[in-house]
Structure formats: C-alpha cells, structure tokens
Amino acid sequence: MAGAGWSVAVVEKAQFPRRKVCGEFLSATTVPILARLGLEATYH
C-alpha cells in the first residue's frame, strides 16, 4: 500500500529481530509477492 501511494501506519509490539514459533518454510507460490516488493533476490 505504501508503494502504491497510500498513507500507512504499522503498529508492532515486538522489537525486531525476534524469534517466533513457526515452521519457517515459505512455498515458491509466495515468491512473486517478494518480487513485487523488490525482495526476491534478497530472500534467495
């Protein structure tokens, strides 16, 4: 939304970086979203 010109506020209670209970696997089906955000190369 910020990249599309919307004004955005994000409220996050934890300080990053933080560990979290999670399987941590990200399917290939989500990589196009990372590409849209300009993060595909960084992620890989």
All heavy atoms as atom14 arrays in JSON, in Angstrom:
{
  "sequence": "MAGAGWSVAVVEKAQFPRRKVCGEFLSATTVPILARLGLEATYH",
  "atom14_mask": [
    [1, 1, 1, 1, 1, 1, 1, 1, 0, 0, 0, 0, 0, 0],
    [1, 1, 1, 1, 1, 0, 0, 0, 0, 0, 0, 0, 0, 0],
    [1, 1, 1, 1, 0, 0, 0, 0, 0, 0, 0, 0, 0, 0],
    [1, 1, 1, 1, 1, 0, 0, 0, 0, 0, 0, 0, 0, 0],
    [1, 1, 1, 1, 0, 0, 0, 0, 0, 0, 0, 0, 0, 0],
    [1, 1, 1, 1, 1, 1, 1, 1, 1, 1, 1, 1, 1, 1],
    [1, 1, 1, 1, 1, 1, 0, 0, 0, 0, 0, 0, 0, 0],
    [1, 1, 1, 1, 1, 1, 1, 0, 0, 0, 0, 0, 0, 0],
    [1, 1, 1, 1, 1, 0, 0, 0, 0, 0, 0, 0, 0, 0],
    [1, 1, 1, 1, 1, 1, 1, 0, 0, 0, 0, 0, 0, 0],
    [1, 1, 1, 1, 1, 1, 1, 0, 0, 0, 0, 0, 0, 0],
    [1, 1, 1, 1, 1, 1, 1, 1, 1, 0, 0, 0, 0, 0],
    [1, 1, 1, 1, 1, 1, 1, 1, 1, 0, 0, 0, 0, 0],
    [1, 1, 1, 1, 1, 0, 0, 0, 0, 0, 0, 0, 0, 0],
    [1, 1, 1, 1, 1, 1, 1, 1, 1, 0, 0, 0, 0, 0],
    [1, 1, 1, 1, 1, 1, 1, 1, 1, 1, 1, 0, 0, 0],
    [1, 1, 1, 1, 1, 1, 1, 0, 0, 0, 0, 0, 0, 0],
    [1, 1, 1, 1, 1, 1, 1, 1, 1, 1, 1, 0, 0, 0],
    [1, 1, 1, 1, 1, 1, 1, 1, 1, 1, 1, 0, 0, 0],
    [1, 1, 1, 1, 1, 1, 1, 1, 1, 0, 0, 0, 0, 0],
    [1, 1, 1, 1, 1, 1, 1, 0, 0, 0, 0, 0, 0, 0],
    [1, 1, 1, 1, 1, 1, 0, 0, 0, 0, 0, 0, 0, 0],
    [1, 1, 1, 1, 0, 0, 0, 0, 0, 0, 0, 0, 0, 0],
    [1, 1, 1, 1, 1, 1, 1, 1, 1, 0, 0, 0, 0, 0],
    [1, 1, 1, 1, 1, 1, 1, 1, 1, 1, 1, 0, 0, 0],
    [1, 1, 1, 1, 1, 1, 1, 1, 0, 0, 0, 0, 0, 0],
    [1, 1, 1, 1, 1, 1, 0, 0, 0, 0, 0, 0, 0, 0],
    [1, 1, 1, 1, 1, 0, 0, 0, 0, 0, 0, 0, 0, 0],
    [1, 1, 1, 1, 1, 1, 1, 0, 0, 0, 0, 0, 0, 0],
    [1, 1, 1, 1, 1, 1, 1, 0, 0, 0, 0, 0, 0, 0],
    [1, 1, 1, 1, 1, 1, 1, 0, 0, 0, 0, 0, 0, 0],
    [1, 1, 1, 1, 1, 1, 1, 0, 0, 0, 0, 0, 0, 0],
    [1, 1, 1, 1, 1, 1, 1, 1, 0, 0, 0, 0, 0, 0],
    [1, 1, 1, 1, 1, 1, 1, 1, 0, 0, 0, 0, 0, 0],
    [1, 1, 1, 1, 1, 0, 0, 0, 0, 0, 0, 0, 0, 0],
    [1, 1, 1, 1, 1, 1, 1, 1, 1, 1, 1, 0, 0, 0],
    [1, 1, 1, 1, 1, 1, 1, 1, 0, 0, 0, 0, 0, 0],
    [1, 1, 1, 1, 0, 0, 0, 0, 0, 0, 0, 0, 0, 0],
    [1, 1, 1, 1, 1, 1, 1, 1, 0, 0, 0, 0, 0, 0],
    [1, 1, 1, 1, 1, 1, 1, 1, 1, 0, 0, 0, 0, 0],
    [1, 1, 1, 1, 1, 0, 0, 0, 0, 0, 0, 0, 0, 0],
    [1, 1, 1, 1, 1, 1, 1, 0, 0, 0, 0, 0, 0, 0],
    [1, 1, 1, 1, 1, 1, 1, 1, 1, 1, 1, 1, 0, 0],
    [1, 1, 1, 1, 1, 1, 1, 1, 1, 1, 0, 0, 0, 0]
  ],
  "atom14_positions": [
    [[0.82, -1.21, 0.0], [0.0, 0.0, 0.0], [0.86, 1.26, 0.0], [0.56, 2.23, -0.72], [-0.96, -0.03, 1.19], [-1.94, -1.17, 1.13], [-3.35, -1.0, 2.24], [-4.27, 0.31, 1.44], [0.0, 0.0, 0.0], [0.0, 0.0, 0.0], [0.0, 0.0, 0.0], [0.0, 0.0, 0.0], [0.0, 0.0, 0.0], [0.0, 0.0, 0.0]],
    [[1.92, 1.28, 0.78], [2.8, 2.44, 0.78], [3.43, 2.63, -0.6], [3.55, 3.76, -1.09], [3.87, 2.29, 1.85], [0.0, 0.0, 0.0], [0.0, 0.0, 0.0], [0.0, 0.0, 0.0], [0.0, 0.0, 0.0], [0.0, 0.0, 0.0], [0.0, 0.0, 0.0], [0.0, 0.0, 0.0], [0.0, 0.0, 0.0], [0.0, 0.0, 0.0]],
    [[3.81, 1.52, -1.22], [4.4, 1.6, -2.56], [3.42, 2.1, -3.6], [3.83, 2.63, -4.64], [0.0, 0.0, 0.0], [0.0, 0.0, 0.0], [0.0, 0.0, 0.0], [0.0, 0.0, 0.0], [0.0, 0.0, 0.0], [0.0, 0.0, 0.0], [0.0, 0.0, 0.0], [0.0, 0.0, 0.0], [0.0, 0.0, 0.0], [0.0, 0.0, 0.0]],
    [[2.11, 1.94, -3.34], [1.08, 2.41, -4.27], [0.58, 3.8, -3.93], [-0.37, 4.28, -4.55], [-0.09, 1.42, -4.28], [0.0, 0.0, 0.0], [0.0, 0.0, 0.0], [0.0, 0.0, 0.0], [0.0, 0.0, 0.0], [0.0, 0.0, 0.0], [0.0, 0.0, 0.0], [0.0, 0.0, 0.0], [0.0, 0.0, 0.0], [0.0, 0.0, 0.0]],
    [[1.17, 4.45, -2.93], [0.82, 5.82, -2.62], [-0.15, 6.03, -1.49], [-0.56, 7.17, -1.23], [0.0, 0.0, 0.0], [0.0, 0.0, 0.0], [0.0, 0.0, 0.0], [0.0, 0.0, 0.0], [0.0, 0.0, 0.0], [0.0, 0.0, 0.0], [0.0, 0.0, 0.0], [0.0, 0.0, 0.0], [0.0, 0.0, 0.0], [0.0, 0.0, 0.0]],
    [[-0.54, 4.97, -0.78], [-1.43, 5.12, 0.37], [-0.6, 5.57, 1.58], [0.56, 5.2, 1.73], [-2.12, 3.81, 0.7], [-3.0, 3.24, -0.37], [-2.59, 2.73, -1.58], [-4.41, 3.09, -0.33], [-3.67, 2.27, -2.29], [-4.81, 2.48, -1.55], [-5.39, 3.4, 0.61], [-6.14, 2.18, -1.85], [-6.71, 3.1, 0.31], [-7.08, 2.51, -0.9]],
    [[-1.23, 6.33, 2.48], [-0.57, 6.66, 3.74], [-0.85, 5.54, 4.73], [-2.0, 5.14, 4.94], [-1.07, 8.0, 4.28], [-2.46, 7.99, 4.52], [0.0, 0.0, 0.0], [0.0, 0.0, 0.0], [0.0, 0.0, 0.0], [0.0, 0.0, 0.0], [0.0, 0.0, 0.0], [0.0, 0.0, 0.0], [0.0, 0.0, 0.0], [0.0, 0.0, 0.0]],
    [[0.21, 5.01, 5.34], [0.13, 3.76, 6.11], [0.84, 3.93, 7.45], [1.95, 4.46, 7.51], [0.78, 2.6, 5.33], [0.73, 1.31, 6.14], [0.13, 2.41, 3.97], [0.0, 0.0, 0.0], [0.0, 0.0, 0.0], [0.0, 0.0, 0.0], [0.0, 0.0, 0.0], [0.0, 0.0, 0.0], [0.0, 0.0, 0.0], [0.0, 0.0, 0.0]],
    [[0.2, 3.43, 8.51], [0.84, 3.31, 9.82], [0.81, 1.84, 10.23], [-0.22, 1.18, 10.12], [0.13, 4.15, 10.86], [0.0, 0.0, 0.0], [0.0, 0.0, 0.0], [0.0, 0.0, 0.0], [0.0, 0.0, 0.0], [0.0, 0.0, 0.0], [0.0, 0.0, 0.0], [0.0, 0.0, 0.0], [0.0, 0.0, 0.0], [0.0, 0.0, 0.0]],
    [[1.94, 1.33, 10.67], [2.04, -0.06, 11.15], [2.43, -0.02, 12.62], [3.43, 0.6, 12.99], [3.08, -0.86, 10.35], [3.16, -2.29, 10.88], [2.75, -0.86, 8.86], [0.0, 0.0, 0.0], [0.0, 0.0, 0.0], [0.0, 0.0, 0.0], [0.0, 0.0, 0.0], [0.0, 0.0, 0.0], [0.0, 0.0, 0.0], [0.0, 0.0, 0.0]],
    [[1.64, -0.7, 13.45], [1.9, -0.77, 14.9], [2.35, -2.19, 15.22], [1.58, -3.14, 15.04], [0.65, -0.39, 15.71], [0.94, -0.48, 17.21], [0.15, 1.0, 15.34], [0.0, 0.0, 0.0], [0.0, 0.0, 0.0], [0.0, 0.0, 0.0], [0.0, 0.0, 0.0], [0.0, 0.0, 0.0], [0.0, 0.0, 0.0], [0.0, 0.0, 0.0]],
    [[3.56, -2.34, 15.68], [4.12, -3.66, 16.01], [4.66, -3.64, 17.44], [5.5, -2.8, 17.77], [5.23, -4.03, 15.02], [6.06, -5.23, 15.42], [5.25, -6.5, 15.69], [4.41, -6.86, 14.85], [5.46, -7.1, 16.77], [0.0, 0.0, 0.0], [0.0, 0.0, 0.0], [0.0, 0.0, 0.0], [0.0, 0.0, 0.0], [0.0, 0.0, 0.0]],
    [[4.19, -4.58, 18.26], [4.55, -4.54, 19.68], [5.92, -5.12, 19.99], [6.51, -4.81, 21.03], [3.5, -5.28, 20.5], [3.46, -6.78, 20.28], [2.43, -7.44, 21.17], [2.41, -8.94, 21.0], [1.41, -9.58, 21.88], [0.0, 0.0, 0.0], [0.0, 0.0, 0.0], [0.0, 0.0, 0.0], [0.0, 0.0, 0.0], [0.0, 0.0, 0.0]],
    [[6.45, -5.99, 19.12], [7.74, -6.64, 19.39], [8.87, -5.86, 18.76], [8.7, -5.18, 17.75], [7.73, -8.07, 18.86], [0.0, 0.0, 0.0], [0.0, 0.0, 0.0], [0.0, 0.0, 0.0], [0.0, 0.0, 0.0], [0.0, 0.0, 0.0], [0.0, 0.0, 0.0], [0.0, 0.0, 0.0], [0.0, 0.0, 0.0], [0.0, 0.0, 0.0]],
    [[10.04, -5.97, 19.37], [11.25, -5.39, 18.79], [11.88, -6.42, 17.87], [12.05, -7.58, 18.25], [12.23, -4.99, 19.9], [13.45, -4.23, 19.39], [13.09, -2.86, 18.85], [12.52, -2.04, 19.55], [13.43, -2.6, 17.59], [0.0, 0.0, 0.0], [0.0, 0.0, 0.0], [0.0, 0.0, 0.0], [0.0, 0.0, 0.0], [0.0, 0.0, 0.0]],
    [[12.2, -6.03, 16.64], [12.86, -6.94, 15.7], [14.37, -6.72, 15.78], [14.81, -5.61, 16.1], [12.37, -6.68, 14.29], [10.94, -7.09, 14.02], [10.35, -6.85, 12.79], [10.18, -7.69, 15.01], [9.04, -7.21, 12.53], [8.85, -8.05, 14.77], [8.29, -7.81, 13.51], [0.0, 0.0, 0.0], [0.0, 0.0, 0.0], [0.0, 0.0, 0.0]],
    [[15.17, -7.73, 15.47], [14.77, -9.08, 15.1], [14.26, -9.88, 16.3], [14.7, -9.66, 17.42], [16.06, -9.69, 14.55], [17.15, -8.94, 15.24], [16.64, -7.55, 15.43], [0.0, 0.0, 0.0], [0.0, 0.0, 0.0], [0.0, 0.0, 0.0], [0.0, 0.0, 0.0], [0.0, 0.0, 0.0], [0.0, 0.0, 0.0], [0.0, 0.0, 0.0]],
    [[13.32, -10.78, 16.02], [12.77, -11.62, 17.08], [12.56, -13.04, 16.54], [12.18, -13.23, 15.38], [11.44, -11.06, 17.59], [10.38, -10.76, 16.53], [9.43, -11.91, 16.31], [8.51, -11.66, 15.19], [7.3, -11.18, 15.35], [6.86, -10.89, 16.54], [6.52, -11.01, 14.28], [0.0, 0.0, 0.0], [0.0, 0.0, 0.0], [0.0, 0.0, 0.0]],
    [[12.82, -14.0, 17.37], [12.49, -15.4, 17.04], [11.02, -15.62, 17.35], [10.44, -14.96, 18.2], [13.36, -16.36, 17.84], [14.85, -16.26, 17.54], [15.63, -17.26, 18.38], [15.3, -18.63, 18.01], [15.32, -19.66, 18.86], [15.62, -19.46, 20.15], [15.03, -20.88, 18.45], [0.0, 0.0, 0.0], [0.0, 0.0, 0.0], [0.0, 0.0, 0.0]],
    [[10.42, -16.58, 16.67], [9.0, -16.82, 16.82], [8.7, -18.28, 16.49], [9.33, -18.87, 15.6], [8.21, -15.89, 15.88], [6.71, -15.88, 16.09], [6.07, -14.84, 15.21], [4.56, -14.84, 15.34], [4.13, -14.43, 16.69], [0.0, 0.0, 0.0], [0.0, 0.0, 0.0], [0.0, 0.0, 0.0], [0.0, 0.0, 0.0], [0.0, 0.0, 0.0]],
    [[7.73, -18.86, 17.2], [7.31, -20.23, 16.91], [6.7, -20.26, 15.52], [5.69, -19.59, 15.25], [6.3, -20.74, 17.95], [5.77, -22.12, 17.55], [6.94, -20.82, 19.32], [0.0, 0.0, 0.0], [0.0, 0.0, 0.0], [0.0, 0.0, 0.0], [0.0, 0.0, 0.0], [0.0, 0.0, 0.0], [0.0, 0.0, 0.0], [0.0, 0.0, 0.0]],
    [[7.32, -21.02, 14.62], [6.9, -21.03, 13.23], [7.69, -22.1, 12.51], [8.85, -22.35, 12.85], [7.17, -19.66, 12.59], [6.81, -19.55, 10.83], [0.0, 0.0, 0.0], [0.0, 0.0, 0.0], [0.0, 0.0, 0.0], [0.0, 0.0, 0.0], [0.0, 0.0, 0.0], [0.0, 0.0, 0.0], [0.0, 0.0, 0.0], [0.0, 0.0, 0.0]],
    [[7.08, -22.73, 11.49], [7.8, -23.72, 10.7], [8.86, -23.12, 9.8], [9.79, -23.82, 9.37], [0.0, 0.0, 0.0], [0.0, 0.0, 0.0], [0.0, 0.0, 0.0], [0.0, 0.0, 0.0], [0.0, 0.0, 0.0], [0.0, 0.0, 0.0], [0.0, 0.0, 0.0], [0.0, 0.0, 0.0], [0.0, 0.0, 0.0], [0.0, 0.0, 0.0]],
    [[8.72, -21.83, 9.46], [9.72, -21.03, 8.74], [9.86, -21.36, 7.26], [10.64, -20.74, 6.56], [11.09, -21.1, 9.43], [11.02, -20.6, 10.87], [12.36, -20.55, 11.58], [13.16, -21.48, 11.4], [12.58, -19.58, 12.33], [0.0, 0.0, 0.0], [0.0, 0.0, 0.0], [0.0, 0.0, 0.0], [0.0, 0.0, 0.0], [0.0, 0.0, 0.0]],
    [[9.05, -22.29, 6.75], [9.11, -22.63, 5.32], [8.22, -21.68, 4.54], [7.09, -21.39, 4.94], [8.66, -24.07, 5.1], [8.64, -24.48, 3.65], [9.82, -24.72, 2.97], [7.43, -24.62, 2.96], [9.8, -25.1, 1.63], [7.41, -25.0, 1.63], [8.6, -25.24, 0.96], [0.0, 0.0, 0.0], [0.0, 0.0, 0.0], [0.0, 0.0, 0.0]],
    [[8.71, -21.23, 3.41], [7.95, -20.34, 2.53], [7.88, -20.99, 1.16], [8.89, -21.18, 0.49], [8.63, -18.97, 2.44], [7.85, -17.86, 1.75], [6.57, -17.54, 2.52], [8.7, -16.61, 1.63], [0.0, 0.0, 0.0], [0.0, 0.0, 0.0], [0.0, 0.0, 0.0], [0.0, 0.0, 0.0], [0.0, 0.0, 0.0], [0.0, 0.0, 0.0]],
    [[6.66, -21.34, 0.73], [6.47, -22.0, -0.55], [6.87, -21.09, -1.7], [6.82, -19.86, -1.6], [5.0, -22.42, -0.72], [4.62, -23.37, 0.24], [0.0, 0.0, 0.0], [0.0, 0.0, 0.0], [0.0, 0.0, 0.0], [0.0, 0.0, 0.0], [0.0, 0.0, 0.0], [0.0, 0.0, 0.0], [0.0, 0.0, 0.0], [0.0, 0.0, 0.0]],
    [[7.19, -21.71, -2.84], [7.52, -20.95, -4.03], [6.36, -20.09, -4.5], [6.56, -19.09, -5.2], [7.95, -21.9, -5.15], [0.0, 0.0, 0.0], [0.0, 0.0, 0.0], [0.0, 0.0, 0.0], [0.0, 0.0, 0.0], [0.0, 0.0, 0.0], [0.0, 0.0, 0.0], [0.0, 0.0, 0.0], [0.0, 0.0, 0.0], [0.0, 0.0, 0.0]],
    [[5.15, -20.44, -4.11], [3.97, -19.69, -4.54], [3.92, -18.28, -3.96], [3.14, -17.46, -4.41], [2.69, -20.45, -4.15], [2.74, -20.76, -2.75], [2.58, -21.74, -4.92], [0.0, 0.0, 0.0], [0.0, 0.0, 0.0], [0.0, 0.0, 0.0], [0.0, 0.0, 0.0], [0.0, 0.0, 0.0], [0.0, 0.0, 0.0], [0.0, 0.0, 0.0]],
    [[4.74, -17.99, -2.97], [4.77, -16.66, -2.37], [5.91, -15.81, -2.92], [5.93, -14.59, -2.71], [4.87, -16.77, -0.84], [3.85, -17.64, -0.35], [4.67, -15.42, -0.15], [0.0, 0.0, 0.0], [0.0, 0.0, 0.0], [0.0, 0.0, 0.0], [0.0, 0.0, 0.0], [0.0, 0.0, 0.0], [0.0, 0.0, 0.0], [0.0, 0.0, 0.0]],
    [[6.83, -16.41, -3.63], [7.97, -15.67, -4.16], [7.55, -14.52, -5.08], [8.18, -13.45, -5.05], [8.96, -16.63, -4.85], [10.07, -15.86, -5.55], [9.55, -17.6, -3.83], [0.0, 0.0, 0.0], [0.0, 0.0, 0.0], [0.0, 0.0, 0.0], [0.0, 0.0, 0.0], [0.0, 0.0, 0.0], [0.0, 0.0, 0.0], [0.0, 0.0, 0.0]],
    [[6.5, -14.65, -5.92], [6.1, -13.5, -6.73], [5.74, -12.26, -5.91], [5.92, -11.13, -6.38], [4.87, -14.03, -7.51], [5.11, -15.49, -7.61], [5.75, -15.86, -6.31], [0.0, 0.0, 0.0], [0.0, 0.0, 0.0], [0.0, 0.0, 0.0], [0.0, 0.0, 0.0], [0.0, 0.0, 0.0], [0.0, 0.0, 0.0], [0.0, 0.0, 0.0]],
    [[5.23, -12.46, -4.69], [4.94, -11.31, -3.84], [6.24, -10.66, -3.38], [6.36, -9.42, -3.36], [4.07, -11.73, -2.63], [2.75, -12.31, -3.12], [3.83, -10.55, -1.7], [1.87, -12.86, -2.01], [0.0, 0.0, 0.0], [0.0, 0.0, 0.0], [0.0, 0.0, 0.0], [0.0, 0.0, 0.0], [0.0, 0.0, 0.0], [0.0, 0.0, 0.0]],
    [[7.23, -11.47, -3.03], [8.54, -10.92, -2.67], [9.13, -10.15, -3.85], [9.75, -9.09, -3.67], [9.47, -12.04, -2.25], [9.14, -12.72, -0.92], [9.95, -14.0, -0.75], [9.4, -11.78, 0.25], [0.0, 0.0, 0.0], [0.0, 0.0, 0.0], [0.0, 0.0, 0.0], [0.0, 0.0, 0.0], [0.0, 0.0, 0.0], [0.0, 0.0, 0.0]],
    [[8.93, -10.68, -5.06], [9.42, -9.98, -6.24], [8.72, -8.64, -6.4], [9.34, -7.63, -6.75], [9.21, -10.85, -7.49], [0.0, 0.0, 0.0], [0.0, 0.0, 0.0], [0.0, 0.0, 0.0], [0.0, 0.0, 0.0], [0.0, 0.0, 0.0], [0.0, 0.0, 0.0], [0.0, 0.0, 0.0], [0.0, 0.0, 0.0], [0.0, 0.0, 0.0]],
    [[7.41, -8.62, -6.15], [6.65, -7.37, -6.24], [7.19, -6.33, -5.25], [7.17, -5.13, -5.52], [5.18, -7.67, -5.97], [4.24, -6.47, -5.9], [4.01, -5.85, -7.28], [3.04, -4.78, -7.21], [1.75, -4.91, -7.47], [1.26, -6.09, -7.85], [0.93, -3.89, -7.4], [0.0, 0.0, 0.0], [0.0, 0.0, 0.0], [0.0, 0.0, 0.0]],
    [[7.67, -6.8, -4.11], [8.21, -5.91, -3.08], [9.68, -5.55, -3.32], [10.26, -4.79, -2.55], [8.07, -6.55, -1.7], [6.66, -6.88, -1.23], [6.7, -7.56, 0.13], [5.8, -5.62, -1.19], [0.0, 0.0, 0.0], [0.0, 0.0, 0.0], [0.0, 0.0, 0.0], [0.0, 0.0, 0.0], [0.0, 0.0, 0.0], [0.0, 0.0, 0.0]],
    [[10.28, -6.14, -4.35], [11.69, -5.89, -4.61], [12.62, -6.66, -3.7], [13.77, -6.25, -3.49], [0.0, 0.0, 0.0], [0.0, 0.0, 0.0], [0.0, 0.0, 0.0], [0.0, 0.0, 0.0], [0.0, 0.0, 0.0], [0.0, 0.0, 0.0], [0.0, 0.0, 0.0], [0.0, 0.0, 0.0], [0.0, 0.0, 0.0], [0.0, 0.0, 0.0]],
    [[12.15, -7.8, -3.17], [12.92, -8.55, -2.18], [13.29, -9.96, -2.63], [13.86, -10.72, -1.84], [12.13, -8.65, -0.86], [11.95, -7.34, -0.1], [11.0, -7.56, 1.08], [13.28, -6.79, 0.39], [0.0, 0.0, 0.0], [0.0, 0.0, 0.0], [0.0, 0.0, 0.0], [0.0, 0.0, 0.0], [0.0, 0.0, 0.0], [0.0, 0.0, 0.0]],
    [[12.98, -10.33, -3.86], [13.22, -11.72, -4.27], [14.69, -12.09, -4.18], [15.06, -13.13, -3.64], [12.71, -11.94, -5.7], [12.9, -13.38, -6.16], [12.34, -13.63, -7.56], [11.95, -12.66, -8.23], [12.3, -14.81, -7.97], [0.0, 0.0, 0.0], [0.0, 0.0, 0.0], [0.0, 0.0, 0.0], [0.0, 0.0, 0.0], [0.0, 0.0, 0.0]],
    [[15.57, -11.26, -4.71], [17.0, -11.57, -4.69], [17.52, -11.62, -3.25], [18.31, -12.5, -2.88], [17.77, -10.54, -5.51], [0.0, 0.0, 0.0], [0.0, 0.0, 0.0], [0.0, 0.0, 0.0], [0.0, 0.0, 0.0], [0.0, 0.0, 0.0], [0.0, 0.0, 0.0], [0.0, 0.0, 0.0], [0.0, 0.0, 0.0], [0.0, 0.0, 0.0]],
    [[17.07, -10.68, -2.43], [17.5, -10.65, -1.01], [17.05, -11.92, -0.29], [17.81, -12.5, 0.49], [16.91, -9.41, -0.31], [17.31, -8.24, -1.01], [17.39, -9.34, 1.13], [0.0, 0.0, 0.0], [0.0, 0.0, 0.0], [0.0, 0.0, 0.0], [0.0, 0.0, 0.0], [0.0, 0.0, 0.0], [0.0, 0.0, 0.0], [0.0, 0.0, 0.0]],
    [[15.82, -12.34, -0.56], [15.3, -13.56, 0.07], [16.09, -14.79, -0.35], [16.5, -15.59, 0.5], [13.83, -13.71, -0.3], [13.28, -15.1, -0.1], [13.01, -15.59, 1.17], [13.02, -15.92, -1.19], [12.5, -16.86, 1.35], [12.51, -17.2, -1.02], [12.26, -17.67, 0.25], [11.76, -18.92, 0.41], [0.0, 0.0, 0.0], [0.0, 0.0, 0.0]],
    [[16.34, -14.94, -1.65], [17.06, -16.12, -2.12], [18.49, -16.15, -1.58], [19.04, -17.21, -1.29], [17.08, -16.16, -3.65], [15.79, -16.61, -4.26], [15.18, -17.8, -3.9], [14.99, -16.05, -5.18], [14.07, -17.95, -4.59], [13.92, -16.89, -5.37], [0.0, 0.0, 0.0], [0.0, 0.0, 0.0], [0.0, 0.0, 0.0], [0.0, 0.0, 0.0]]
  ]
}
